[in-house]
Amino acid sequence: LTPRVEHIGFEGIIHGGVLATVLDEAMVWAATWHGR
């Protein structure tokens, strides 16, 4: 992911919720793949 300006929380810093969302997506896919 290359975060853009619309993904900020504080000026210049990416919102933690965006990072949490992407982590959740990657982890749910790891779990899904594991159990099919």
All heavy atoms as atom14 arrays in JSON, in Angstrom:
{
  "sequence": "LTPRVEHIGFEGIIHGGVLATVLDEAMVWAATWHGR",
  "atom14_mask": [
    [1, 1, 1, 1, 1, 1, 1, 1, 0, 0, 0, 0, 0, 0],
    [1, 1, 1, 1, 1, 1, 1, 0, 0, 0, 0, 0, 0, 0],
    [1, 1, 1, 1, 1, 1, 1, 0, 0, 0, 0, 0, 0, 0],
    [1, 1, 1, 1, 1, 1, 1, 1, 1, 1, 1, 0, 0, 0],
    [1, 1, 1, 1, 1, 1, 1, 0, 0, 0, 0, 0, 0, 0],
    [1, 1, 1, 1, 1, 1, 1, 1, 1, 0, 0, 0, 0, 0],
    [1, 1, 1, 1, 1, 1, 1, 1, 1, 1, 0, 0, 0, 0],
    [1, 1, 1, 1, 1, 1, 1, 1, 0, 0, 0, 0, 0, 0],
    [1, 1, 1, 1, 0, 0, 0, 0, 0, 0, 0, 0, 0, 0],
    [1, 1, 1, 1, 1, 1, 1, 1, 1, 1, 1, 0, 0, 0],
    [1, 1, 1, 1, 1, 1, 1, 1, 1, 0, 0, 0, 0, 0],
    [1, 1, 1, 1, 0, 0, 0, 0, 0, 0, 0, 0, 0, 0],
    [1, 1, 1, 1, 1, 1, 1, 1, 0, 0, 0, 0, 0, 0],
    [1, 1, 1, 1, 1, 1, 1, 1, 0, 0, 0, 0, 0, 0],
    [1, 1, 1, 1, 1, 1, 1, 1, 1, 1, 0, 0, 0, 0],
    [1, 1, 1, 1, 0, 0, 0, 0, 0, 0, 0, 0, 0, 0],
    [1, 1, 1, 1, 0, 0, 0, 0, 0, 0, 0, 0, 0, 0],
    [1, 1, 1, 1, 1, 1, 1, 0, 0, 0, 0, 0, 0, 0],
    [1, 1, 1, 1, 1, 1, 1, 1, 0, 0, 0, 0, 0, 0],
    [1, 1, 1, 1, 1, 0, 0, 0, 0, 0, 0, 0, 0, 0],
    [1, 1, 1, 1, 1, 1, 1, 0, 0, 0, 0, 0, 0, 0],
    [1, 1, 1, 1, 1, 1, 1, 0, 0, 0, 0, 0, 0, 0],
    [1, 1, 1, 1, 1, 1, 1, 1, 0, 0, 0, 0, 0, 0],
    [1, 1, 1, 1, 1, 1, 1, 1, 0, 0, 0, 0, 0, 0],
    [1, 1, 1, 1, 1, 1, 1, 1, 1, 0, 0, 0, 0, 0],
    [1, 1, 1, 1, 1, 0, 0, 0, 0, 0, 0, 0, 0, 0],
    [1, 1, 1, 1, 1, 1, 1, 1, 0, 0, 0, 0, 0, 0],
    [1, 1, 1, 1, 1, 1, 1, 0, 0, 0, 0, 0, 0, 0],
    [1, 1, 1, 1, 1, 1, 1, 1, 1, 1, 1, 1, 1, 1],
    [1, 1, 1, 1, 1, 0, 0, 0, 0, 0, 0, 0, 0, 0],
    [1, 1, 1, 1, 1, 0, 0, 0, 0, 0, 0, 0, 0, 0],
    [1, 1, 1, 1, 1, 1, 1, 0, 0, 0, 0, 0, 0, 0],
    [1, 1, 1, 1, 1, 1, 1, 1, 1, 1, 1, 1, 1, 1],
    [1, 1, 1, 1, 1, 1, 1, 1, 1, 1, 0, 0, 0, 0],
    [1, 1, 1, 1, 0, 0, 0, 0, 0, 0, 0, 0, 0, 0],
    [1, 1, 1, 1, 1, 1, 1, 1, 1, 1, 1, 0, 0, 0]
  ],
  "atom14_positions": [
    [[0.85, -1.18, 0.0], [0.0, 0.0, 0.0], [0.89, 1.23, 0.0], [1.82, 1.32, 0.8], [-0.89, 0.01, 1.26], [-1.62, 1.31, 1.59], [-2.69, 1.62, 0.55], [-2.23, 1.25, 2.97], [0.0, 0.0, 0.0], [0.0, 0.0, 0.0], [0.0, 0.0, 0.0], [0.0, 0.0, 0.0], [0.0, 0.0, 0.0], [0.0, 0.0, 0.0]],
    [[0.58, 2.15, -0.9], [1.21, 3.47, -0.84], [0.12, 4.44, -0.43], [-0.72, 4.83, -1.24], [1.82, 3.86, -2.21], [2.76, 2.84, -2.6], [2.52, 5.21, -2.12], [0.0, 0.0, 0.0], [0.0, 0.0, 0.0], [0.0, 0.0, 0.0], [0.0, 0.0, 0.0], [0.0, 0.0, 0.0], [0.0, 0.0, 0.0], [0.0, 0.0, 0.0]],
    [[0.08, 4.79, 0.88], [-1.0, 5.65, 1.36], [-0.91, 7.05, 0.76], [0.17, 7.57, 0.51], [-0.8, 5.69, 2.87], [0.48, 5.0, 3.16], [1.01, 4.39, 1.91], [0.0, 0.0, 0.0], [0.0, 0.0, 0.0], [0.0, 0.0, 0.0], [0.0, 0.0, 0.0], [0.0, 0.0, 0.0], [0.0, 0.0, 0.0], [0.0, 0.0, 0.0]],
    [[-2.1, 7.6, 0.54], [-2.21, 8.93, -0.06], [-2.66, 9.94, 1.0], [-3.02, 9.58, 2.12], [-3.2, 8.88, -1.22], [-2.78, 7.89, -2.31], [-3.77, 7.83, -3.47], [-5.14, 7.56, -3.07], [-5.71, 6.37, -3.02], [-5.0, 5.29, -3.29], [-6.97, 6.23, -2.67], [0.0, 0.0, 0.0], [0.0, 0.0, 0.0], [0.0, 0.0, 0.0]],
    [[-2.68, 11.19, 0.62], [-3.02, 12.26, 1.56], [-4.42, 12.08, 2.16], [-4.65, 12.45, 3.3], [-2.85, 13.66, 0.89], [-3.91, 13.91, -0.17], [-2.83, 14.75, 1.93], [0.0, 0.0, 0.0], [0.0, 0.0, 0.0], [0.0, 0.0, 0.0], [0.0, 0.0, 0.0], [0.0, 0.0, 0.0], [0.0, 0.0, 0.0], [0.0, 0.0, 0.0]],
    [[-5.34, 11.48, 1.43], [-6.68, 11.27, 1.97], [-6.72, 10.19, 3.06], [-7.76, 9.95, 3.65], [-7.7, 10.96, 0.87], [-7.42, 9.73, 0.06], [-6.66, 10.0, -1.23], [-5.91, 11.0, -1.32], [-6.8, 9.2, -2.16], [0.0, 0.0, 0.0], [0.0, 0.0, 0.0], [0.0, 0.0, 0.0], [0.0, 0.0, 0.0], [0.0, 0.0, 0.0]],
    [[-5.6, 9.55, 3.34], [-5.52, 8.52, 4.38], [-4.92, 9.03, 5.69], [-4.65, 8.25, 6.58], [-4.7, 7.32, 3.87], [-5.29, 6.7, 2.65], [-4.54, 6.39, 1.54], [-6.57, 6.36, 2.35], [-5.32, 5.86, 0.62], [-6.56, 5.83, 1.08], [0.0, 0.0, 0.0], [0.0, 0.0, 0.0], [0.0, 0.0, 0.0], [0.0, 0.0, 0.0]],
    [[-4.73, 10.33, 5.81], [-4.08, 10.86, 7.02], [-5.05, 10.95, 8.19], [-6.26, 11.03, 8.02], [-3.44, 12.25, 6.79], [-4.49, 13.32, 6.5], [-2.37, 12.18, 5.71], [-3.95, 14.74, 6.53], [0.0, 0.0, 0.0], [0.0, 0.0, 0.0], [0.0, 0.0, 0.0], [0.0, 0.0, 0.0], [0.0, 0.0, 0.0], [0.0, 0.0, 0.0]],
    [[-4.47, 10.94, 9.37], [-5.16, 11.28, 10.62], [-4.68, 12.68, 10.96], [-5.33, 13.67, 10.66], [0.0, 0.0, 0.0], [0.0, 0.0, 0.0], [0.0, 0.0, 0.0], [0.0, 0.0, 0.0], [0.0, 0.0, 0.0], [0.0, 0.0, 0.0], [0.0, 0.0, 0.0], [0.0, 0.0, 0.0], [0.0, 0.0, 0.0], [0.0, 0.0, 0.0]],
    [[-3.48, 12.76, 11.52], [-2.82, 14.04, 11.71], [-2.07, 14.38, 10.43], [-1.74, 13.5, 9.64], [-1.84, 13.98, 12.89], [-2.52, 13.81, 14.22], [-2.4, 12.64, 14.93], [-3.31, 14.83, 14.74], [-3.03, 12.48, 16.15], [-3.95, 14.68, 15.95], [-3.81, 13.51, 16.65], [0.0, 0.0, 0.0], [0.0, 0.0, 0.0], [0.0, 0.0, 0.0]],
    [[-1.8, 15.63, 10.24], [-1.13, 16.08, 9.01], [0.15, 15.28, 8.75], [1.05, 15.24, 9.58], [-0.8, 17.57, 9.11], [-0.45, 18.21, 7.78], [-1.58, 18.11, 6.76], [-2.76, 18.27, 7.15], [-1.28, 17.87, 5.58], [0.0, 0.0, 0.0], [0.0, 0.0, 0.0], [0.0, 0.0, 0.0], [0.0, 0.0, 0.0], [0.0, 0.0, 0.0]],
    [[0.16, 14.62, 7.6], [1.35, 13.87, 7.19], [1.47, 12.48, 7.78], [2.38, 11.74, 7.41], [0.0, 0.0, 0.0], [0.0, 0.0, 0.0], [0.0, 0.0, 0.0], [0.0, 0.0, 0.0], [0.0, 0.0, 0.0], [0.0, 0.0, 0.0], [0.0, 0.0, 0.0], [0.0, 0.0, 0.0], [0.0, 0.0, 0.0], [0.0, 0.0, 0.0]],
    [[0.61, 12.09, 8.7], [0.68, 10.78, 9.33], [-0.56, 9.97, 8.96], [-1.69, 10.44, 9.14], [0.79, 10.91, 10.87], [2.08, 11.66, 11.24], [0.75, 9.53, 11.52], [2.19, 11.94, 12.72], [0.0, 0.0, 0.0], [0.0, 0.0, 0.0], [0.0, 0.0, 0.0], [0.0, 0.0, 0.0], [0.0, 0.0, 0.0], [0.0, 0.0, 0.0]],
    [[-0.35, 8.77, 8.48], [-1.46, 7.93, 8.06], [-2.29, 7.52, 9.27], [-1.76, 7.16, 10.32], [-0.93, 6.68, 7.32], [-0.09, 7.1, 6.11], [-2.07, 5.75, 6.89], [-0.74, 8.13, 5.2], [0.0, 0.0, 0.0], [0.0, 0.0, 0.0], [0.0, 0.0, 0.0], [0.0, 0.0, 0.0], [0.0, 0.0, 0.0], [0.0, 0.0, 0.0]],
    [[-3.6, 7.59, 9.11], [-4.53, 7.25, 10.19], [-4.34, 5.79, 10.61], [-4.24, 4.9, 9.77], [-5.96, 7.47, 9.7], [-6.96, 7.49, 10.8], [-7.33, 6.37, 11.49], [-7.67, 8.52, 11.32], [-8.22, 6.69, 12.4], [-8.45, 8.0, 12.32], [0.0, 0.0, 0.0], [0.0, 0.0, 0.0], [0.0, 0.0, 0.0], [0.0, 0.0, 0.0]],
    [[-4.29, 5.56, 11.91], [-4.13, 4.21, 12.43], [-5.24, 3.27, 12.0], [-5.03, 2.06, 11.86], [0.0, 0.0, 0.0], [0.0, 0.0, 0.0], [0.0, 0.0, 0.0], [0.0, 0.0, 0.0], [0.0, 0.0, 0.0], [0.0, 0.0, 0.0], [0.0, 0.0, 0.0], [0.0, 0.0, 0.0], [0.0, 0.0, 0.0], [0.0, 0.0, 0.0]],
    [[-6.43, 3.81, 11.78], [-7.55, 2.99, 11.33], [-7.33, 2.41, 9.94], [-7.79, 1.3, 9.64], [0.0, 0.0, 0.0], [0.0, 0.0, 0.0], [0.0, 0.0, 0.0], [0.0, 0.0, 0.0], [0.0, 0.0, 0.0], [0.0, 0.0, 0.0], [0.0, 0.0, 0.0], [0.0, 0.0, 0.0], [0.0, 0.0, 0.0], [0.0, 0.0, 0.0]],
    [[-6.64, 3.15, 9.09], [-6.31, 2.64, 7.76], [-5.35, 1.46, 7.89], [-5.54, 0.41, 7.26], [-5.71, 3.75, 6.86], [-5.19, 3.18, 5.55], [-6.73, 4.84, 6.61], [0.0, 0.0, 0.0], [0.0, 0.0, 0.0], [0.0, 0.0, 0.0], [0.0, 0.0, 0.0], [0.0, 0.0, 0.0], [0.0, 0.0, 0.0], [0.0, 0.0, 0.0]],
    [[-4.35, 1.62, 8.74], [-3.4, 0.53, 8.96], [-4.1, -0.69, 9.57], [-3.84, -1.83, 9.17], [-2.25, 0.98, 9.85], [-1.4, 2.14, 9.3], [-0.32, 2.51, 10.29], [-0.82, 1.8, 7.94], [0.0, 0.0, 0.0], [0.0, 0.0, 0.0], [0.0, 0.0, 0.0], [0.0, 0.0, 0.0], [0.0, 0.0, 0.0], [0.0, 0.0, 0.0]],
    [[-5.0, -0.45, 10.52], [-5.75, -1.54, 11.14], [-6.6, -2.27, 10.11], [-6.69, -3.52, 10.13], [-6.63, -1.0, 12.27], [0.0, 0.0, 0.0], [0.0, 0.0, 0.0], [0.0, 0.0, 0.0], [0.0, 0.0, 0.0], [0.0, 0.0, 0.0], [0.0, 0.0, 0.0], [0.0, 0.0, 0.0], [0.0, 0.0, 0.0], [0.0, 0.0, 0.0]],
    [[-7.22, -1.53, 9.22], [-8.07, -2.13, 8.19], [-7.27, -3.03, 7.28], [-7.68, -4.15, 6.96], [-8.78, -1.02, 7.38], [-9.59, -0.26, 8.27], [-9.62, -1.58, 6.26], [0.0, 0.0, 0.0], [0.0, 0.0, 0.0], [0.0, 0.0, 0.0], [0.0, 0.0, 0.0], [0.0, 0.0, 0.0], [0.0, 0.0, 0.0], [0.0, 0.0, 0.0]],
    [[-6.1, -2.57, 6.86], [-5.28, -3.37, 5.95], [-4.7, -4.59, 6.68], [-4.63, -5.68, 6.11], [-4.18, -2.49, 5.31], [-3.27, -3.31, 4.43], [-4.82, -1.38, 4.49], [0.0, 0.0, 0.0], [0.0, 0.0, 0.0], [0.0, 0.0, 0.0], [0.0, 0.0, 0.0], [0.0, 0.0, 0.0], [0.0, 0.0, 0.0], [0.0, 0.0, 0.0]],
    [[-4.32, -4.43, 7.94], [-3.85, -5.57, 8.71], [-4.96, -6.61, 8.86], [-4.73, -7.81, 8.72], [-3.36, -5.13, 10.09], [-1.94, -4.59, 10.14], [-1.7, -3.83, 11.43], [-0.94, -5.73, 9.97], [0.0, 0.0, 0.0], [0.0, 0.0, 0.0], [0.0, 0.0, 0.0], [0.0, 0.0, 0.0], [0.0, 0.0, 0.0], [0.0, 0.0, 0.0]],
    [[-6.17, -6.15, 9.16], [-7.31, -7.07, 9.28], [-7.51, -7.84, 7.98], [-7.71, -9.06, 7.99], [-8.57, -6.3, 9.67], [-9.81, -7.2, 9.69], [-9.77, -8.27, 10.34], [-10.82, -6.81, 9.07], [0.0, 0.0, 0.0], [0.0, 0.0, 0.0], [0.0, 0.0, 0.0], [0.0, 0.0, 0.0], [0.0, 0.0, 0.0], [0.0, 0.0, 0.0]],
    [[-7.45, -7.16, 6.87], [-7.65, -7.82, 5.57], [-6.6, -8.9, 5.33], [-6.92, -10.02, 4.93], [-7.61, -6.79, 4.44], [-7.9, -7.35, 3.08], [-9.39, -7.56, 2.82], [-10.23, -7.23, 3.68], [-9.72, -8.09, 1.74], [0.0, 0.0, 0.0], [0.0, 0.0, 0.0], [0.0, 0.0, 0.0], [0.0, 0.0, 0.0], [0.0, 0.0, 0.0]],
    [[-5.34, -8.57, 5.59], [-4.27, -9.56, 5.38], [-4.43, -10.74, 6.34], [-4.27, -11.9, 5.94], [-2.91, -8.89, 5.56], [0.0, 0.0, 0.0], [0.0, 0.0, 0.0], [0.0, 0.0, 0.0], [0.0, 0.0, 0.0], [0.0, 0.0, 0.0], [0.0, 0.0, 0.0], [0.0, 0.0, 0.0], [0.0, 0.0, 0.0], [0.0, 0.0, 0.0]],
    [[-4.76, -10.46, 7.6], [-4.9, -11.54, 8.58], [-6.12, -12.41, 8.3], [-6.06, -13.63, 8.46], [-4.91, -10.99, 10.0], [-3.56, -10.41, 10.41], [-3.39, -10.01, 12.18], [-4.69, -8.82, 12.43], [0.0, 0.0, 0.0], [0.0, 0.0, 0.0], [0.0, 0.0, 0.0], [0.0, 0.0, 0.0], [0.0, 0.0, 0.0], [0.0, 0.0, 0.0]],
    [[-7.24, -11.8, 7.88], [-8.42, -12.61, 7.57], [-8.14, -13.52, 6.38], [-8.59, -14.66, 6.34], [-9.7, -11.78, 7.38], [-9.76, -11.1, 6.04], [-10.94, -12.64, 7.58], [0.0, 0.0, 0.0], [0.0, 0.0, 0.0], [0.0, 0.0, 0.0], [0.0, 0.0, 0.0], [0.0, 0.0, 0.0], [0.0, 0.0, 0.0], [0.0, 0.0, 0.0]],
    [[-7.38, -13.03, 5.41], [-7.04, -13.89, 4.27], [-6.09, -15.01, 4.69], [-6.21, -16.14, 4.18], [-6.45, -13.07, 3.13], [-7.51, -12.54, 2.22], [-7.91, -11.24, 2.07], [-8.34, -13.31, 1.34], [-8.93, -11.17, 1.15], [-9.21, -12.42, 0.68], [-8.44, -14.67, 1.06], [-10.15, -12.85, -0.25], [-9.38, -15.1, 0.12], [-10.22, -14.19, -0.51]],
    [[-5.16, -14.74, 5.59], [-4.28, -15.81, 6.08], [-5.11, -16.89, 6.77], [-4.92, -18.09, 6.54], [-3.22, -15.24, 7.03], [0.0, 0.0, 0.0], [0.0, 0.0, 0.0], [0.0, 0.0, 0.0], [0.0, 0.0, 0.0], [0.0, 0.0, 0.0], [0.0, 0.0, 0.0], [0.0, 0.0, 0.0], [0.0, 0.0, 0.0], [0.0, 0.0, 0.0]],
    [[-6.06, -16.47, 7.62], [-6.93, -17.42, 8.31], [-7.81, -18.18, 7.32], [-7.98, -19.4, 7.42], [-7.79, -16.69, 9.34], [0.0, 0.0, 0.0], [0.0, 0.0, 0.0], [0.0, 0.0, 0.0], [0.0, 0.0, 0.0], [0.0, 0.0, 0.0], [0.0, 0.0, 0.0], [0.0, 0.0, 0.0], [0.0, 0.0, 0.0], [0.0, 0.0, 0.0]],
    [[-8.37, -17.47, 6.37], [-9.24, -18.07, 5.36], [-8.48, -19.1, 4.53], [-8.96, -20.2, 4.29], [-9.86, -16.98, 4.46], [-10.71, -16.16, 5.27], [-10.64, -17.55, 3.3], [0.0, 0.0, 0.0], [0.0, 0.0, 0.0], [0.0, 0.0, 0.0], [0.0, 0.0, 0.0], [0.0, 0.0, 0.0], [0.0, 0.0, 0.0], [0.0, 0.0, 0.0]],
    [[-7.29, -18.74, 4.09], [-6.49, -19.66, 3.28], [-6.14, -20.91, 4.08], [-6.22, -22.02, 3.57], [-5.22, -18.97, 2.78], [-4.49, -19.82, 1.8], [-3.39, -20.6, 2.04], [-4.81, -20.01, 0.42], [-3.01, -21.25, 0.91], [-3.87, -20.91, -0.1], [-5.81, -19.5, -0.4], [-3.9, -21.31, -1.43], [-5.83, -19.9, -1.73], [-4.88, -20.8, -2.23]],
    [[-5.78, -20.71, 5.33], [-5.39, -21.83, 6.19], [-6.5, -22.87, 6.3], [-6.26, -24.07, 6.15], [-5.0, -21.35, 7.58], [-4.63, -22.46, 8.51], [-3.37, -23.02, 8.52], [-5.36, -23.14, 9.42], [-3.35, -23.99, 9.41], [-4.54, -24.08, 9.97], [0.0, 0.0, 0.0], [0.0, 0.0, 0.0], [0.0, 0.0, 0.0], [0.0, 0.0, 0.0]],
    [[-7.71, -22.41, 6.56], [-8.83, -23.33, 6.76], [-9.64, -23.59, 5.53], [-10.61, -24.36, 5.57], [0.0, 0.0, 0.0], [0.0, 0.0, 0.0], [0.0, 0.0, 0.0], [0.0, 0.0, 0.0], [0.0, 0.0, 0.0], [0.0, 0.0, 0.0], [0.0, 0.0, 0.0], [0.0, 0.0, 0.0], [0.0, 0.0, 0.0], [0.0, 0.0, 0.0]],
    [[-9.29, -22.91, 4.42], [-10.07, -23.01, 3.17], [-11.54, -22.7, 3.42], [-12.44, -23.25, 2.81], [-9.93, -24.37, 2.51], [-8.53, -24.8, 2.15], [-7.88, -23.86, 1.13], [-6.7, -24.44, 0.54], [-5.46, -24.22, 0.95], [-5.25, -23.42, 1.99], [-4.44, -24.76, 0.34], [0.0, 0.0, 0.0], [0.0, 0.0, 0.0], [0.0, 0.0, 0.0]]
  ]
}
